[in-house]
Amino acid sequence: MEFKVAEAQQEVDGEVVHSLSNGLVILKINRKEYQVRLLKSGTDEVEFIFENSFHHAKILRSNSSETTILLDGHPLTIKKHFRFADLIYKTLSSTVSVGNNNLTSQIPGRVVNIVLNAGSVVKAGDSVIILESMKMQVAIKAHKDGNIREIKVKQGTTVGRYDVVAIIE
């Protein structure tokens, strides 16, 4: 999974490769493997040895998009899914179209609301469909002025990236 360390403005690709029963964890960080020995682990704090140095980390707050920890007395914010958040920002501020009349989804998700129905007049930038993806709601907006000829999805269904969700004439 990719992370972005806000304070350092750097991207990190990290994953747990293997967890052994003796408290030894093998991590892969930016394609390099490291051994971490867990000394103490609780619900919101952990003590460990990394590269022959003792460290203490405590979770200060966490939500679906970022976690703030206190690592050896220094606050550190780790942004999860930051590329996904960038995609959502771009989706909300740009058009979402592949074909001339086809309105498509830029991300996979579940349809939670159909804002406009067939026959509705629409202007470029109007929300047509609301998706939920990774616990966030994202609007699919009209890419041009016109009339909605057809809504191709139903509430509760799942759409994939680039699926046609509506036709605007």
N, C-alpha and C. Protein backbone atom coordinates (compact mmCIF):
# COMPACT_ATOMS: atom_id res chain seq x y z
N MET A 1 0.85 -1.17 0.00
CA MET A 1 0.00 0.00 0.00
C MET A 1 0.90 1.23 0.00
N GLU A 2 0.50 2.22 -0.74
CA GLU A 2 1.28 3.45 -0.80
C GLU A 2 0.79 4.44 0.25
N PHE A 3 1.74 5.13 0.86
CA PHE A 3 1.46 6.13 1.88
C PHE A 3 2.21 7.40 1.53
N LYS A 4 1.76 8.50 2.07
CA LYS A 4 2.49 9.75 1.91
C LYS A 4 2.73 10.30 3.31
N VAL A 5 3.99 10.56 3.62
CA VAL A 5 4.35 11.14 4.91
C VAL A 5 4.28 12.64 4.74
N ALA A 6 3.28 13.27 5.36
CA ALA A 6 2.98 14.69 5.12
C ALA A 6 4.15 15.59 5.50
N GLU A 7 4.75 15.37 6.65
CA GLU A 7 5.82 16.25 7.11
C GLU A 7 7.05 16.19 6.20
N ALA A 8 7.32 15.04 5.62
CA ALA A 8 8.51 14.87 4.78
C ALA A 8 8.20 15.08 3.30
N GLN A 9 6.93 15.20 2.95
CA GLN A 9 6.50 15.35 1.56
C GLN A 9 7.08 14.25 0.67
N GLN A 10 7.09 13.03 1.18
CA GLN A 10 7.60 11.93 0.38
C GLN A 10 6.60 10.79 0.37
N GLU A 11 6.64 10.01 -0.70
CA GLU A 11 5.78 8.86 -0.84
C GLU A 11 6.54 7.62 -0.40
N VAL A 12 5.83 6.71 0.27
CA VAL A 12 6.43 5.48 0.75
C VAL A 12 5.53 4.33 0.34
N ASP A 13 6.13 3.29 -0.23
CA ASP A 13 5.40 2.08 -0.56
C ASP A 13 5.78 1.05 0.49
N GLY A 14 4.84 0.67 1.34
CA GLY A 14 5.16 -0.24 2.43
C GLY A 14 4.15 -1.36 2.57
N GLU A 15 4.65 -2.51 3.02
CA GLU A 15 3.76 -3.64 3.26
C GLU A 15 4.40 -4.59 4.27
N VAL A 16 3.56 -5.32 4.98
CA VAL A 16 4.03 -6.37 5.86
C VAL A 16 4.20 -7.62 5.00
N VAL A 17 5.43 -8.11 4.93
CA VAL A 17 5.71 -9.29 4.11
C VAL A 17 5.41 -10.55 4.90
N HIS A 18 5.85 -10.58 6.16
CA HIS A 18 5.67 -11.79 6.97
C HIS A 18 5.70 -11.41 8.44
N SER A 19 4.86 -12.04 9.21
CA SER A 19 4.84 -11.82 10.66
C SER A 19 5.10 -13.15 11.34
N LEU A 20 6.16 -13.21 12.13
CA LEU A 20 6.52 -14.44 12.82
C LEU A 20 6.00 -14.41 14.25
N SER A 21 5.86 -15.57 14.85
CA SER A 21 5.26 -15.67 16.18
C SER A 21 6.14 -15.10 17.29
N ASN A 22 7.41 -14.92 17.05
CA ASN A 22 8.32 -14.43 18.09
C ASN A 22 8.41 -12.90 18.14
N GLY A 23 7.48 -12.21 17.52
CA GLY A 23 7.49 -10.75 17.53
C GLY A 23 8.30 -10.13 16.41
N LEU A 24 8.84 -10.96 15.55
CA LEU A 24 9.62 -10.46 14.42
C LEU A 24 8.70 -10.24 13.23
N VAL A 25 8.79 -9.07 12.63
CA VAL A 25 7.96 -8.73 11.47
C VAL A 25 8.90 -8.32 10.34
N ILE A 26 8.64 -8.87 9.16
CA ILE A 26 9.41 -8.50 7.98
C ILE A 26 8.58 -7.48 7.21
N LEU A 27 9.14 -6.27 7.02
CA LEU A 27 8.47 -5.21 6.28
C LEU A 27 9.20 -4.97 4.97
N LYS A 28 8.46 -4.56 3.97
CA LYS A 28 9.07 -4.11 2.72
C LYS A 28 8.72 -2.64 2.58
N ILE A 29 9.75 -1.80 2.56
CA ILE A 29 9.56 -0.36 2.42
C ILE A 29 10.34 0.09 1.20
N ASN A 30 9.62 0.63 0.22
CA ASN A 30 10.24 1.06 -1.04
C ASN A 30 11.13 -0.04 -1.62
N ARG A 31 10.58 -1.24 -1.71
CA ARG A 31 11.20 -2.42 -2.32
C ARG A 31 12.38 -3.00 -1.54
N LYS A 32 12.65 -2.51 -0.34
CA LYS A 32 13.73 -3.04 0.48
C LYS A 32 13.13 -3.68 1.73
N GLU A 33 13.60 -4.89 2.08
CA GLU A 33 13.07 -5.59 3.24
C GLU A 33 13.82 -5.19 4.51
N TYR A 34 13.04 -5.06 5.59
CA TYR A 34 13.57 -4.72 6.90
C TYR A 34 12.98 -5.67 7.94
N GLN A 35 13.74 -5.91 9.01
CA GLN A 35 13.24 -6.68 10.14
C GLN A 35 12.90 -5.72 11.27
N VAL A 36 11.73 -5.91 11.84
CA VAL A 36 11.29 -5.11 12.98
C VAL A 36 10.95 -6.09 14.10
N ARG A 37 11.48 -5.84 15.29
CA ARG A 37 11.15 -6.69 16.43
C ARG A 37 10.20 -5.91 17.33
N LEU A 38 8.97 -6.45 17.47
CA LEU A 38 7.97 -5.83 18.33
C LEU A 38 8.27 -6.20 19.77
N LEU A 39 8.37 -5.19 20.62
CA LEU A 39 8.64 -5.41 22.04
C LEU A 39 7.36 -5.34 22.86
N LYS A 40 6.52 -4.36 22.53
CA LYS A 40 5.27 -4.15 23.25
C LYS A 40 4.26 -3.62 22.25
N SER A 41 3.06 -4.17 22.29
CA SER A 41 2.04 -3.75 21.34
C SER A 41 0.70 -3.64 22.05
N GLY A 42 0.06 -2.48 21.92
CA GLY A 42 -1.26 -2.26 22.50
C GLY A 42 -2.20 -1.78 21.42
N THR A 43 -3.39 -1.34 21.82
CA THR A 43 -4.36 -0.89 20.83
C THR A 43 -3.97 0.40 20.15
N ASP A 44 -3.24 1.27 20.87
CA ASP A 44 -2.88 2.55 20.26
C ASP A 44 -1.40 2.91 20.39
N GLU A 45 -0.58 1.98 20.88
CA GLU A 45 0.85 2.27 20.92
C GLU A 45 1.66 1.00 20.78
N VAL A 46 2.91 1.19 20.33
CA VAL A 46 3.79 0.06 20.08
C VAL A 46 5.23 0.48 20.37
N GLU A 47 6.00 -0.45 20.90
CA GLU A 47 7.44 -0.26 21.08
C GLU A 47 8.12 -1.30 20.22
N PHE A 48 9.18 -0.89 19.50
CA PHE A 48 9.82 -1.81 18.57
C PHE A 48 11.28 -1.42 18.35
N ILE A 49 12.02 -2.37 17.79
CA ILE A 49 13.40 -2.13 17.40
C ILE A 49 13.45 -2.20 15.88
N PHE A 50 13.96 -1.13 15.28
CA PHE A 50 14.09 -1.02 13.83
C PHE A 50 15.50 -0.56 13.53
N GLU A 51 16.22 -1.32 12.73
CA GLU A 51 17.62 -1.04 12.39
C GLU A 51 18.45 -0.77 13.65
N ASN A 52 18.33 -1.68 14.62
CA ASN A 52 19.09 -1.65 15.87
C ASN A 52 18.82 -0.42 16.74
N SER A 53 17.69 0.25 16.55
CA SER A 53 17.33 1.40 17.38
C SER A 53 15.94 1.17 17.98
N PHE A 54 15.79 1.55 19.25
CA PHE A 54 14.51 1.46 19.94
C PHE A 54 13.61 2.62 19.51
N HIS A 55 12.32 2.32 19.29
CA HIS A 55 11.34 3.34 18.91
C HIS A 55 10.04 3.12 19.67
N HIS A 56 9.35 4.23 19.93
CA HIS A 56 8.03 4.19 20.56
C HIS A 56 7.08 4.99 19.68
N ALA A 57 5.95 4.38 19.33
CA ALA A 57 4.95 5.06 18.50
C ALA A 57 3.59 4.98 19.19
N LYS A 58 2.87 6.09 19.17
CA LYS A 58 1.54 6.16 19.76
C LYS A 58 0.61 6.81 18.75
N ILE A 59 -0.54 6.19 18.51
CA ILE A 59 -1.53 6.75 17.59
C ILE A 59 -2.26 7.87 18.30
N LEU A 60 -2.21 9.07 17.73
CA LEU A 60 -2.92 10.22 18.30
C LEU A 60 -4.34 10.29 17.76
N ARG A 61 -4.48 10.10 16.45
CA ARG A 61 -5.82 10.05 15.84
C ARG A 61 -5.71 9.33 14.50
N SER A 62 -6.83 8.73 14.11
CA SER A 62 -6.83 7.97 12.86
C SER A 62 -8.22 7.99 12.26
N ASN A 63 -8.27 8.13 10.94
CA ASN A 63 -9.53 8.01 10.21
C ASN A 63 -9.24 7.27 8.91
N SER A 64 -10.20 7.22 8.02
CA SER A 64 -10.03 6.42 6.80
C SER A 64 -9.00 6.99 5.84
N SER A 65 -8.64 8.26 5.96
CA SER A 65 -7.71 8.84 5.00
C SER A 65 -6.33 9.15 5.55
N GLU A 66 -6.20 9.28 6.89
CA GLU A 66 -4.88 9.56 7.44
C GLU A 66 -4.79 9.14 8.90
N THR A 67 -3.56 8.93 9.34
CA THR A 67 -3.27 8.58 10.73
C THR A 67 -2.18 9.51 11.23
N THR A 68 -2.38 10.07 12.41
CA THR A 68 -1.34 10.89 13.03
C THR A 68 -0.79 10.12 14.22
N ILE A 69 0.53 9.95 14.22
CA ILE A 69 1.19 9.23 15.30
C ILE A 69 2.23 10.12 15.96
N LEU A 70 2.62 9.75 17.15
CA LEU A 70 3.73 10.38 17.85
C LEU A 70 4.84 9.34 17.83
N LEU A 71 5.86 9.56 17.00
CA LEU A 71 6.97 8.62 16.84
C LEU A 71 8.19 9.20 17.54
N ASP A 72 8.59 8.56 18.61
CA ASP A 72 9.73 9.03 19.41
C ASP A 72 9.58 10.50 19.80
N GLY A 73 8.34 10.90 20.14
CA GLY A 73 8.09 12.26 20.58
C GLY A 73 7.83 13.27 19.48
N HIS A 74 7.88 12.83 18.23
CA HIS A 74 7.66 13.74 17.09
C HIS A 74 6.35 13.38 16.38
N PRO A 75 5.44 14.35 16.19
CA PRO A 75 4.20 14.04 15.48
C PRO A 75 4.47 13.77 14.00
N LEU A 76 3.74 12.82 13.46
CA LEU A 76 3.92 12.40 12.07
C LEU A 76 2.56 12.05 11.50
N THR A 77 2.20 12.63 10.36
CA THR A 77 0.93 12.33 9.71
C THR A 77 1.17 11.47 8.49
N ILE A 78 0.47 10.35 8.43
CA ILE A 78 0.61 9.42 7.31
C ILE A 78 -0.71 9.43 6.55
N LYS A 79 -0.66 9.84 5.29
CA LYS A 79 -1.86 9.90 4.47
C LYS A 79 -1.99 8.60 3.70
N LYS A 80 -3.15 7.94 3.86
CA LYS A 80 -3.43 6.70 3.17
C LYS A 80 -4.25 7.03 1.92
N HIS A 81 -4.09 6.25 0.90
CA HIS A 81 -4.88 6.40 -0.33
C HIS A 81 -4.76 7.81 -0.91
N PHE A 82 -3.60 8.42 -0.81
CA PHE A 82 -3.45 9.81 -1.25
C PHE A 82 -3.62 9.94 -2.76
N ARG A 83 -3.24 8.94 -3.52
CA ARG A 83 -3.46 9.02 -4.97
C ARG A 83 -4.94 8.94 -5.29
N PHE A 84 -5.68 8.15 -4.52
CA PHE A 84 -7.12 8.06 -4.69
C PHE A 84 -7.76 9.41 -4.38
N ALA A 85 -7.30 10.07 -3.32
CA ALA A 85 -7.83 11.40 -2.97
C ALA A 85 -7.54 12.40 -4.08
N ASP A 86 -6.34 12.32 -4.68
CA ASP A 86 -6.01 13.20 -5.81
C ASP A 86 -6.96 12.95 -6.98
N LEU A 87 -7.25 11.68 -7.26
CA LEU A 87 -8.16 11.33 -8.35
C LEU A 87 -9.55 11.89 -8.08
N ILE A 88 -10.02 11.78 -6.86
CA ILE A 88 -11.34 12.31 -6.51
C ILE A 88 -11.37 13.82 -6.70
N TYR A 89 -10.32 14.51 -6.25
CA TYR A 89 -10.26 15.96 -6.41
C TYR A 89 -10.33 16.32 -7.89
N LYS A 90 -9.57 15.62 -8.71
CA LYS A 90 -9.59 15.91 -10.15
C LYS A 90 -10.95 15.59 -10.75
N THR A 91 -11.58 14.50 -10.29
CA THR A 91 -12.89 14.11 -10.79
C THR A 91 -13.94 15.17 -10.45
N LEU A 92 -13.86 15.70 -9.24
CA LEU A 92 -14.84 16.70 -8.83
C LEU A 92 -14.68 18.02 -9.57
N SER A 93 -13.47 18.29 -10.06
CA SER A 93 -13.24 19.58 -10.69
C SER A 93 -13.09 19.49 -12.20
N SER A 94 -13.34 18.34 -12.77
CA SER A 94 -13.19 18.20 -14.22
C SER A 94 -14.34 17.41 -14.80
N THR A 95 -14.36 17.32 -16.10
CA THR A 95 -15.40 16.54 -16.75
C THR A 95 -15.06 15.07 -16.68
N VAL A 96 -16.08 14.24 -16.87
CA VAL A 96 -15.91 12.80 -16.72
C VAL A 96 -16.52 12.14 -17.95
N SER A 97 -15.86 12.21 -19.06
CA SER A 97 -16.45 11.74 -20.30
C SER A 97 -15.44 10.99 -21.14
N VAL A 98 -15.90 9.96 -21.82
CA VAL A 98 -15.05 9.26 -22.79
C VAL A 98 -15.65 9.46 -24.17
N GLY A 99 -16.93 9.13 -24.34
CA GLY A 99 -17.60 9.32 -25.62
C GLY A 99 -18.27 10.67 -25.66
N ASN A 100 -18.72 11.08 -26.83
CA ASN A 100 -19.35 12.38 -26.99
C ASN A 100 -20.60 12.50 -26.13
N ASN A 101 -21.46 11.47 -26.14
CA ASN A 101 -22.69 11.52 -25.37
C ASN A 101 -22.63 10.68 -24.09
N ASN A 102 -21.61 9.87 -23.95
CA ASN A 102 -21.53 8.96 -22.80
C ASN A 102 -20.93 9.65 -21.58
N LEU A 103 -21.64 9.59 -20.48
CA LEU A 103 -21.11 10.05 -19.20
C LEU A 103 -20.58 8.82 -18.49
N THR A 104 -19.29 8.83 -18.15
CA THR A 104 -18.66 7.65 -17.57
C THR A 104 -18.13 7.93 -16.17
N SER A 105 -17.91 6.85 -15.44
CA SER A 105 -17.35 6.93 -14.10
C SER A 105 -15.84 6.84 -14.18
N GLN A 106 -15.15 7.70 -13.45
CA GLN A 106 -13.68 7.65 -13.40
C GLN A 106 -13.18 6.68 -12.35
N ILE A 107 -14.07 6.27 -11.43
CA ILE A 107 -13.66 5.37 -10.35
C ILE A 107 -14.71 4.28 -10.17
N PRO A 108 -14.32 3.13 -9.64
CA PRO A 108 -15.32 2.12 -9.30
C PRO A 108 -16.04 2.51 -8.02
N GLY A 109 -17.28 2.09 -7.90
CA GLY A 109 -18.02 2.40 -6.68
C GLY A 109 -19.45 1.90 -6.75
N ARG A 110 -20.19 2.16 -5.68
CA ARG A 110 -21.59 1.76 -5.59
C ARG A 110 -22.45 3.01 -5.77
N VAL A 111 -23.49 2.90 -6.59
CA VAL A 111 -24.40 4.03 -6.83
C VAL A 111 -25.25 4.23 -5.58
N VAL A 112 -25.12 5.40 -4.95
CA VAL A 112 -25.91 5.69 -3.75
C VAL A 112 -27.05 6.67 -4.03
N ASN A 113 -26.94 7.42 -5.13
CA ASN A 113 -28.01 8.36 -5.45
C ASN A 113 -27.99 8.68 -6.94
N ILE A 114 -29.16 8.73 -7.53
CA ILE A 114 -29.31 9.20 -8.90
C ILE A 114 -29.97 10.57 -8.79
N VAL A 115 -29.18 11.62 -9.04
CA VAL A 115 -29.62 12.99 -8.80
C VAL A 115 -30.62 13.44 -9.87
N LEU A 116 -30.32 13.16 -11.13
CA LEU A 116 -31.18 13.56 -12.25
C LEU A 116 -31.67 12.32 -13.00
N ASN A 117 -32.86 12.40 -13.56
CA ASN A 117 -33.44 11.27 -14.27
C ASN A 117 -33.49 11.52 -15.76
N ALA A 118 -33.83 10.49 -16.52
CA ALA A 118 -33.99 10.62 -17.97
C ALA A 118 -35.00 11.72 -18.26
N GLY A 119 -34.68 12.55 -19.24
CA GLY A 119 -35.53 13.67 -19.61
C GLY A 119 -35.15 14.98 -18.94
N SER A 120 -34.33 14.92 -17.92
CA SER A 120 -33.91 16.14 -17.22
C SER A 120 -32.96 16.96 -18.07
N VAL A 121 -33.08 18.28 -17.94
CA VAL A 121 -32.14 19.20 -18.58
C VAL A 121 -30.93 19.31 -17.66
N VAL A 122 -29.74 19.26 -18.26
CA VAL A 122 -28.52 19.27 -17.47
C VAL A 122 -27.53 20.28 -18.04
N LYS A 123 -26.77 20.91 -17.17
CA LYS A 123 -25.70 21.81 -17.60
C LYS A 123 -24.37 21.17 -17.23
N ALA A 124 -23.33 21.49 -17.97
CA ALA A 124 -21.99 20.95 -17.68
C ALA A 124 -21.62 21.27 -16.24
N GLY A 125 -21.18 20.25 -15.51
CA GLY A 125 -20.80 20.42 -14.12
C GLY A 125 -21.87 20.03 -13.12
N ASP A 126 -23.12 19.82 -13.59
CA ASP A 126 -24.19 19.38 -12.69
C ASP A 126 -23.94 17.93 -12.27
N SER A 127 -24.22 17.63 -11.01
CA SER A 127 -24.11 16.25 -10.52
C SER A 127 -25.25 15.43 -11.09
N VAL A 128 -24.91 14.26 -11.63
CA VAL A 128 -25.91 13.36 -12.21
C VAL A 128 -26.06 12.11 -11.34
N ILE A 129 -24.95 11.52 -10.95
CA ILE A 129 -24.92 10.29 -10.16
C ILE A 129 -23.97 10.50 -8.97
N ILE A 130 -24.31 9.94 -7.82
CA ILE A 130 -23.42 9.96 -6.66
C ILE A 130 -22.97 8.53 -6.38
N LEU A 131 -21.65 8.34 -6.34
CA LEU A 131 -21.07 7.03 -6.04
C LEU A 131 -20.48 7.04 -4.64
N GLU A 132 -20.41 5.86 -4.04
CA GLU A 132 -19.65 5.69 -2.81
C GLU A 132 -18.49 4.77 -3.13
N SER A 133 -17.29 5.24 -2.85
CA SER A 133 -16.09 4.46 -3.10
C SER A 133 -15.14 4.66 -1.93
N MET A 134 -14.73 3.59 -1.30
CA MET A 134 -13.81 3.64 -0.16
C MET A 134 -14.34 4.57 0.93
N LYS A 135 -15.63 4.45 1.22
CA LYS A 135 -16.32 5.21 2.28
C LYS A 135 -16.41 6.70 2.00
N MET A 136 -16.21 7.10 0.74
CA MET A 136 -16.33 8.51 0.37
C MET A 136 -17.37 8.63 -0.73
N GLN A 137 -18.15 9.70 -0.71
CA GLN A 137 -19.13 9.92 -1.76
C GLN A 137 -18.54 10.86 -2.81
N VAL A 138 -18.70 10.46 -4.07
CA VAL A 138 -18.12 11.19 -5.19
C VAL A 138 -19.21 11.43 -6.23
N ALA A 139 -19.31 12.67 -6.71
CA ALA A 139 -20.30 13.01 -7.73
C ALA A 139 -19.73 12.77 -9.12
N ILE A 140 -20.55 12.16 -9.98
CA ILE A 140 -20.21 12.09 -11.40
C ILE A 140 -20.98 13.23 -12.04
N LYS A 141 -20.24 14.16 -12.65
CA LYS A 141 -20.84 15.39 -13.15
C LYS A 141 -20.97 15.38 -14.66
N ALA A 142 -21.98 16.08 -15.15
CA ALA A 142 -22.22 16.18 -16.59
C ALA A 142 -21.04 16.84 -17.28
N HIS A 143 -20.66 16.30 -18.42
CA HIS A 143 -19.52 16.82 -19.17
C HIS A 143 -19.93 17.84 -20.22
N LYS A 144 -21.25 18.02 -20.39
CA LYS A 144 -21.73 19.00 -21.37
C LYS A 144 -23.18 19.37 -21.05
N ASP A 145 -23.64 20.46 -21.64
CA ASP A 145 -25.04 20.85 -21.52
C ASP A 145 -25.87 19.92 -22.40
N GLY A 146 -27.13 19.68 -22.00
CA GLY A 146 -28.01 18.87 -22.83
C GLY A 146 -29.15 18.28 -22.03
N ASN A 147 -29.73 17.22 -22.59
CA ASN A 147 -30.81 16.48 -21.95
C ASN A 147 -30.33 15.07 -21.66
N ILE A 148 -30.71 14.56 -20.51
CA ILE A 148 -30.35 13.18 -20.19
C ILE A 148 -31.30 12.26 -20.94
N ARG A 149 -30.73 11.49 -21.87
CA ARG A 149 -31.54 10.56 -22.65
C ARG A 149 -31.80 9.29 -21.85
N GLU A 150 -30.77 8.82 -21.13
CA GLU A 150 -30.92 7.55 -20.43
C GLU A 150 -29.96 7.48 -19.25
N ILE A 151 -30.45 6.93 -18.15
CA ILE A 151 -29.61 6.60 -17.00
C ILE A 151 -29.35 5.10 -17.10
N LYS A 152 -28.09 4.70 -17.15
CA LYS A 152 -27.73 3.31 -17.41
C LYS A 152 -27.52 2.49 -16.13
N VAL A 153 -27.66 3.11 -14.96
CA VAL A 153 -27.41 2.40 -13.69
C VAL A 153 -28.62 2.55 -12.78
N LYS A 154 -28.67 1.70 -11.77
CA LYS A 154 -29.72 1.78 -10.77
C LYS A 154 -29.07 1.97 -9.40
N GLN A 155 -29.83 2.58 -8.49
CA GLN A 155 -29.32 2.79 -7.14
C GLN A 155 -28.98 1.45 -6.50
N GLY A 156 -27.81 1.38 -5.86
CA GLY A 156 -27.37 0.16 -5.20
C GLY A 156 -26.46 -0.72 -6.04
N THR A 157 -26.42 -0.47 -7.36
CA THR A 157 -25.55 -1.29 -8.22
C THR A 157 -24.11 -0.78 -8.14
N THR A 158 -23.20 -1.64 -8.57
CA THR A 158 -21.78 -1.30 -8.57
C THR A 158 -21.35 -0.99 -9.99
N VAL A 159 -20.54 0.05 -10.15
CA VAL A 159 -20.00 0.40 -11.46
C VAL A 159 -18.48 0.30 -11.41
N GLY A 160 -17.90 0.03 -12.56
CA GLY A 160 -16.45 -0.02 -12.67
C GLY A 160 -15.93 1.27 -13.27
N ARG A 161 -14.62 1.38 -13.27
CA ARG A 161 -13.99 2.55 -13.88
C ARG A 161 -14.29 2.56 -15.37
N TYR A 162 -14.66 3.70 -15.89
CA TYR A 162 -14.99 3.94 -17.29
C TYR A 162 -16.34 3.35 -17.72
N ASP A 163 -17.14 2.82 -16.79
CA ASP A 163 -18.48 2.35 -17.16
C ASP A 163 -19.35 3.54 -17.53
N VAL A 164 -20.19 3.36 -18.54
CA VAL A 164 -21.14 4.41 -18.94
C VAL A 164 -22.28 4.40 -17.92
N VAL A 165 -22.54 5.56 -17.31
CA VAL A 165 -23.60 5.66 -16.30
C VAL A 165 -24.82 6.42 -16.83
N ALA A 166 -24.63 7.23 -17.86
CA ALA A 166 -25.74 7.99 -18.43
C ALA A 166 -25.38 8.43 -19.85
N ILE A 167 -26.43 8.76 -20.62
CA ILE A 167 -26.23 9.29 -21.97
C ILE A 167 -26.86 10.67 -22.00
N ILE A 168 -26.06 11.66 -22.43
CA ILE A 168 -26.52 13.05 -22.50
C ILE A 168 -26.49 13.48 -23.95
N GLU A 169 -27.63 14.01 -24.43
CA GLU A 169 -27.69 14.49 -25.82
C GLU A 169 -27.77 15.99 -25.86
